[in-house]
Protein backbone atom coordinates (compact mmCIF):
# COMPACT_ATOMS: atom_id res chain seq x y z
CA UNK A 1 0.00 0.00 0.00
CA UNK A 2 1.20 3.48 -0.86
CA UNK A 3 0.86 6.49 1.37
CA UNK A 4 0.53 10.18 0.56
CA UNK A 5 0.89 13.40 2.50
CA UNK A 6 -1.39 16.34 1.75
CA UNK A 7 0.18 19.69 2.61
CA UNK A 8 -1.42 23.14 2.86
CA UNK A 9 -4.91 21.81 3.52
CA UNK A 10 -7.32 24.60 4.47
CA UNK A 11 -8.26 24.49 8.12
CA UNK A 12 -11.97 24.68 7.20
CA UNK A 13 -11.62 21.70 4.85
CA UNK A 14 -9.77 19.73 7.51
CA UNK A 15 -12.50 20.56 10.01
CA UNK A 16 -15.22 19.42 7.61
CA UNK A 17 -13.32 16.18 7.01
CA UNK A 18 -13.01 15.63 10.76
CA UNK A 19 -16.77 16.19 11.26
CA UNK A 20 -17.74 13.95 8.34
CA UNK A 21 -15.42 11.23 9.63
CA UNK A 22 -17.00 11.45 13.09
CA UNK A 23 -20.49 11.23 11.58
CA UNK A 24 -19.47 8.05 9.75
CA UNK A 25 -17.61 6.66 12.77
CA UNK A 26 -14.23 6.60 11.02
CA UNK A 27 -10.84 8.18 11.37
CA UNK A 28 -10.01 11.17 9.18
CA UNK A 29 -7.61 8.98 7.24
CA UNK A 30 -10.30 6.34 6.60
CA UNK A 31 -12.76 9.05 5.59
CA UNK A 32 -10.29 10.63 3.15
CA UNK A 33 -9.53 7.19 1.72
CA UNK A 34 -13.23 6.50 1.22
CA UNK A 35 -13.79 9.89 -0.44
CA UNK A 36 -10.90 9.29 -2.85
CA UNK A 37 -12.03 5.74 -3.59
CA UNK A 38 -15.63 6.70 -4.34
CA UNK A 39 -14.59 9.73 -6.39
CA UNK A 40 -12.08 7.84 -8.52
CA UNK A 41 -14.32 4.78 -9.03
CA UNK A 42 -16.83 6.83 -10.99
CA UNK A 43 -16.69 6.33 -14.74
CA UNK A 44 -15.06 9.13 -16.64
CA UNK A 45 -17.30 10.91 -19.11
CA UNK A 46 -15.97 11.15 -22.59
CA UNK A 47 -15.81 14.49 -24.36
CA UNK A 48 -19.03 15.62 -25.98
CA UNK A 49 -19.38 16.80 -29.51
CA UNK A 50 -19.40 20.59 -29.70
CA UNK A 51 -22.93 20.69 -31.09
CA UNK A 52 -24.23 18.45 -28.29
CA UNK A 53 -22.53 20.60 -25.64
CA UNK A 54 -23.97 23.83 -27.08
CA UNK A 55 -27.44 22.26 -27.31
CA UNK A 56 -27.27 21.15 -23.67
CA UNK A 57 -26.16 24.63 -22.64
CA UNK A 58 -29.10 26.39 -24.28
CA UNK A 59 -31.79 23.73 -23.71
CA UNK A 60 -32.92 25.18 -20.32
CA UNK A 61 -33.65 28.48 -22.12
CA UNK A 62 -35.87 26.88 -24.71
CA UNK A 63 -33.14 26.04 -27.19
CA UNK A 64 -32.19 28.07 -30.20
CA UNK A 65 -32.76 28.01 -33.92
CA UNK A 66 -30.18 29.16 -36.39
CA UNK A 67 -31.29 30.30 -39.82
CA UNK A 68 -30.26 28.07 -42.65
CA UNK A 69 -27.57 29.74 -44.68
CA UNK A 70 -27.98 29.18 -48.41
CA UNK A 71 -24.94 27.73 -50.07
CA UNK A 72 -23.46 29.30 -53.15
CA UNK A 73 -21.72 27.41 -55.94
CA UNK A 74 -18.03 26.82 -55.37
CA UNK A 75 -15.67 29.38 -56.84
CA UNK A 76 -13.05 28.48 -59.35
CA UNK A 77 -9.64 28.00 -57.72
CA UNK A 78 -7.12 30.81 -58.26
CA UNK A 79 -4.58 30.49 -61.03
CA UNK A 80 -1.32 31.92 -59.77
CA UNK A 81 0.10 33.72 -62.80
CA UNK A 82 -0.89 31.31 -65.55
C-alpha atoms as a PDB file:
ATOM      1  CA  UNK A   1       0.000   0.000   0.000  1.00  0.00           C
ATOM      2  CA  UNK A   2       1.203   3.484  -0.863  1.00  0.00           C
ATOM      3  CA  UNK A   3       0.855   6.494   1.369  1.00  0.00           C
ATOM      4  CA  UNK A   4       0.534  10.184   0.558  1.00  0.00           C
ATOM      5  CA  UNK A   5       0.886  13.404   2.496  1.00  0.00           C
ATOM      6  CA  UNK A   6      -1.389  16.340   1.752  1.00  0.00           C
ATOM      7  CA  UNK A   7       0.182  19.685   2.612  1.00  0.00           C
ATOM      8  CA  UNK A   8      -1.419  23.138   2.856  1.00  0.00           C
ATOM      9  CA  UNK A   9      -4.908  21.806   3.516  1.00  0.00           C
ATOM     10  CA  UNK A  10      -7.324  24.596   4.468  1.00  0.00           C
ATOM     11  CA  UNK A  11      -8.259  24.488   8.119  1.00  0.00           C
ATOM     12  CA  UNK A  12     -11.968  24.684   7.195  1.00  0.00           C
ATOM     13  CA  UNK A  13     -11.618  21.695   4.854  1.00  0.00           C
ATOM     14  CA  UNK A  14      -9.765  19.727   7.511  1.00  0.00           C
ATOM     15  CA  UNK A  15     -12.495  20.559  10.015  1.00  0.00           C
ATOM     16  CA  UNK A  16     -15.216  19.419   7.611  1.00  0.00           C
ATOM     17  CA  UNK A  17     -13.317  16.179   7.009  1.00  0.00           C
ATOM     18  CA  UNK A  18     -13.012  15.627  10.763  1.00  0.00           C
ATOM     19  CA  UNK A  19     -16.768  16.195  11.262  1.00  0.00           C
ATOM     20  CA  UNK A  20     -17.740  13.945   8.343  1.00  0.00           C
ATOM     21  CA  UNK A  21     -15.418  11.227   9.632  1.00  0.00           C
ATOM     22  CA  UNK A  22     -17.001  11.453  13.085  1.00  0.00           C
ATOM     23  CA  UNK A  23     -20.491  11.229  11.585  1.00  0.00           C
ATOM     24  CA  UNK A  24     -19.465   8.051   9.755  1.00  0.00           C
ATOM     25  CA  UNK A  25     -17.606   6.656  12.768  1.00  0.00           C
ATOM     26  CA  UNK A  26     -14.227   6.600  11.020  1.00  0.00           C
ATOM     27  CA  UNK A  27     -10.836   8.182  11.370  1.00  0.00           C
ATOM     28  CA  UNK A  28     -10.005  11.174   9.180  1.00  0.00           C
ATOM     29  CA  UNK A  29      -7.611   8.981   7.240  1.00  0.00           C
ATOM     30  CA  UNK A  30     -10.297   6.341   6.597  1.00  0.00           C
ATOM     31  CA  UNK A  31     -12.763   9.046   5.589  1.00  0.00           C
ATOM     32  CA  UNK A  32     -10.295  10.631   3.150  1.00  0.00           C
ATOM     33  CA  UNK A  33      -9.525   7.195   1.722  1.00  0.00           C
ATOM     34  CA  UNK A  34     -13.228   6.501   1.216  1.00  0.00           C
ATOM     35  CA  UNK A  35     -13.789   9.888  -0.440  1.00  0.00           C
ATOM     36  CA  UNK A  36     -10.899   9.293  -2.846  1.00  0.00           C
ATOM     37  CA  UNK A  37     -12.029   5.744  -3.592  1.00  0.00           C
ATOM     38  CA  UNK A  38     -15.634   6.701  -4.339  1.00  0.00           C
ATOM     39  CA  UNK A  39     -14.591   9.728  -6.387  1.00  0.00           C
ATOM     40  CA  UNK A  40     -12.082   7.836  -8.518  1.00  0.00           C
ATOM     41  CA  UNK A  41     -14.316   4.784  -9.028  1.00  0.00           C
ATOM     42  CA  UNK A  42     -16.831   6.827 -10.995  1.00  0.00           C
ATOM     43  CA  UNK A  43     -16.687   6.325 -14.743  1.00  0.00           C
ATOM     44  CA  UNK A  44     -15.063   9.132 -16.640  1.00  0.00           C
ATOM     45  CA  UNK A  45     -17.303  10.913 -19.110  1.00  0.00           C
ATOM     46  CA  UNK A  46     -15.967  11.150 -22.588  1.00  0.00           C
ATOM     47  CA  UNK A  47     -15.808  14.487 -24.362  1.00  0.00           C
ATOM     48  CA  UNK A  48     -19.033  15.624 -25.976  1.00  0.00           C
ATOM     49  CA  UNK A  49     -19.383  16.798 -29.513  1.00  0.00           C
ATOM     50  CA  UNK A  50     -19.400  20.587 -29.703  1.00  0.00           C
ATOM     51  CA  UNK A  51     -22.934  20.691 -31.085  1.00  0.00           C
ATOM     52  CA  UNK A  52     -24.226  18.451 -28.289  1.00  0.00           C
ATOM     53  CA  UNK A  53     -22.528  20.600 -25.642  1.00  0.00           C
ATOM     54  CA  UNK A  54     -23.971  23.825 -27.082  1.00  0.00           C
ATOM     55  CA  UNK A  55     -27.436  22.261 -27.311  1.00  0.00           C
ATOM     56  CA  UNK A  56     -27.274  21.147 -23.669  1.00  0.00           C
ATOM     57  CA  UNK A  57     -26.162  24.631 -22.636  1.00  0.00           C
ATOM     58  CA  UNK A  58     -29.103  26.395 -24.282  1.00  0.00           C
ATOM     59  CA  UNK A  59     -31.788  23.731 -23.712  1.00  0.00           C
ATOM     60  CA  UNK A  60     -32.919  25.179 -20.323  1.00  0.00           C
ATOM     61  CA  UNK A  61     -33.647  28.478 -22.115  1.00  0.00           C
ATOM     62  CA  UNK A  62     -35.866  26.880 -24.713  1.00  0.00           C
ATOM     63  CA  UNK A  63     -33.143  26.040 -27.189  1.00  0.00           C
ATOM     64  CA  UNK A  64     -32.192  28.074 -30.196  1.00  0.00           C
ATOM     65  CA  UNK A  65     -32.758  28.011 -33.924  1.00  0.00           C
ATOM     66  CA  UNK A  66     -30.184  29.164 -36.390  1.00  0.00           C
ATOM     67  CA  UNK A  67     -31.286  30.303 -39.818  1.00  0.00           C
ATOM     68  CA  UNK A  68     -30.264  28.068 -42.646  1.00  0.00           C
ATOM     69  CA  UNK A  69     -27.567  29.741 -44.684  1.00  0.00           C
ATOM     70  CA  UNK A  70     -27.980  29.181 -48.411  1.00  0.00           C
ATOM     71  CA  UNK A  71     -24.935  27.725 -50.067  1.00  0.00           C
ATOM     72  CA  UNK A  72     -23.457  29.301 -53.147  1.00  0.00           C
ATOM     73  CA  UNK A  73     -21.722  27.414 -55.936  1.00  0.00           C
ATOM     74  CA  UNK A  74     -18.029  26.815 -55.372  1.00  0.00           C
ATOM     75  CA  UNK A  75     -15.667  29.379 -56.836  1.00  0.00           C
ATOM     76  CA  UNK A  76     -13.048  28.481 -59.346  1.00  0.00           C
ATOM     77  CA  UNK A  77      -9.638  28.001 -57.719  1.00  0.00           C
ATOM     78  CA  UNK A  78      -7.125  30.810 -58.256  1.00  0.00           C
ATOM     79  CA  UNK A  79      -4.583  30.492 -61.028  1.00  0.00           C
ATOM     80  CA  UNK A  80      -1.320  31.918 -59.767  1.00  0.00           C
ATOM     81  CA  UNK A  81       0.100  33.724 -62.800  1.00  0.00           C
ATOM     82  CA  UNK A  82      -0.888  31.306 -65.546  1.00  0.00           C
END
